[in-house]
């Protein structure tokens, strides 16, 4: 997903891994430990629904600068130790 001033300086590509439970099970067969901050787990693959879900979450974010907004977008997935003040 590309977010930001399109075609201008500052446009950023944000990427995550979309994963079903069966795909996760398969990955764990080959890699018993997986680390990934930007993983989104879904019951079934529906890319259009995922794009809409992400777009809805990005649309409500606000910040004074593009850099601050990009940081918020990159943190849609929260981590308990970094995001405990929200």
Protein backbone atom coordinates (compact mmCIF):
# COMPACT_ATOMS: atom_id res chain seq x y z
CA UNK A 1 0.00 0.00 0.00
CA UNK A 2 1.36 3.42 -0.95
CA UNK A 3 0.45 6.28 1.36
CA UNK A 4 1.32 9.95 1.30
CA UNK A 5 1.57 12.73 -1.22
CA UNK A 6 1.26 10.64 -4.38
CA UNK A 7 3.86 11.32 -7.00
CA UNK A 8 5.68 13.72 -4.68
CA UNK A 9 8.52 13.49 -2.23
CA UNK A 10 7.40 11.63 0.85
CA UNK A 11 5.24 8.93 -0.70
CA UNK A 12 5.94 5.75 1.24
CA UNK A 13 5.26 2.09 0.65
CA UNK A 14 4.00 0.20 3.67
CA UNK A 15 4.14 -3.55 3.58
CA UNK A 16 2.84 -6.33 5.77
CA UNK A 17 2.49 -10.08 5.50
CA UNK A 18 -1.03 -11.39 5.27
CA UNK A 19 -1.22 -14.85 6.76
CA UNK A 20 -3.90 -17.49 7.26
CA UNK A 21 -3.70 -20.01 10.12
CA UNK A 22 -2.84 -22.81 7.68
CA UNK A 23 -0.06 -20.73 6.10
CA UNK A 24 1.31 -19.95 9.56
CA UNK A 25 1.31 -23.64 10.43
CA UNK A 26 3.20 -24.37 7.22
CA UNK A 27 5.75 -21.64 7.95
CA UNK A 28 6.30 -23.00 11.47
CA UNK A 29 7.07 -26.45 10.06
CA UNK A 30 10.13 -24.96 8.34
CA UNK A 31 10.98 -22.19 10.82
CA UNK A 32 10.12 -23.08 14.43
CA UNK A 33 10.58 -19.44 15.47
CA UNK A 34 9.08 -16.56 13.51
CA UNK A 35 9.56 -12.90 14.29
CA UNK A 36 7.53 -10.41 12.39
CA UNK A 37 6.05 -7.14 13.49
CA UNK A 38 3.93 -6.51 10.42
CA UNK A 39 1.94 -9.71 10.15
CA UNK A 40 -1.82 -9.63 9.78
CA UNK A 41 -3.62 -12.88 10.52
CA UNK A 42 -6.91 -13.60 8.79
CA UNK A 43 -9.15 -16.66 8.68
CA UNK A 44 -9.33 -16.57 4.86
CA UNK A 45 -7.55 -14.58 2.17
CA UNK A 46 -9.67 -11.71 0.89
CA UNK A 47 -7.20 -9.04 -0.32
CA UNK A 48 -9.94 -6.51 -1.16
CA UNK A 49 -11.35 -6.72 2.38
CA UNK A 50 -7.87 -6.39 3.87
CA UNK A 51 -7.13 -3.32 1.73
CA UNK A 52 -10.41 -1.74 2.85
CA UNK A 53 -9.73 -2.61 6.50
CA UNK A 54 -6.25 -1.04 6.34
CA UNK A 55 -7.48 2.01 4.41
CA UNK A 56 -10.14 2.65 7.06
CA UNK A 57 -7.54 2.55 9.83
CA UNK A 58 -5.12 4.81 7.96
CA UNK A 59 -7.85 7.32 7.05
CA UNK A 60 -8.54 8.23 10.69
CA UNK A 61 -4.91 8.86 11.64
CA UNK A 62 -3.83 12.47 12.06
CA UNK A 63 -0.48 14.16 12.62
CA UNK A 64 1.12 17.56 12.09
CA UNK A 65 3.79 16.31 9.68
CA UNK A 66 4.08 13.59 7.09
CA UNK A 67 6.90 11.98 9.09
CA UNK A 68 4.71 11.75 12.20
CA UNK A 69 1.84 10.35 10.16
CA UNK A 70 4.12 7.77 8.52
CA UNK A 71 5.27 6.69 11.97
CA UNK A 72 1.65 6.18 13.07
CA UNK A 73 0.86 4.20 9.93
CA UNK A 74 3.85 1.97 10.52
CA UNK A 75 2.59 1.33 14.03
CA UNK A 76 -0.95 0.20 13.26
CA UNK A 77 0.13 -3.12 14.77
CA UNK A 78 0.81 -2.32 18.42
CA UNK A 79 3.37 -3.89 20.70
CA UNK A 80 2.52 -3.90 24.40
CA UNK A 81 5.85 -2.46 25.60
CA UNK A 82 6.14 0.34 23.04
CA UNK A 83 2.48 1.25 22.86
CA UNK A 84 1.39 0.98 26.51
CA UNK A 85 0.87 4.74 26.84
CA UNK A 86 -2.01 4.87 24.34
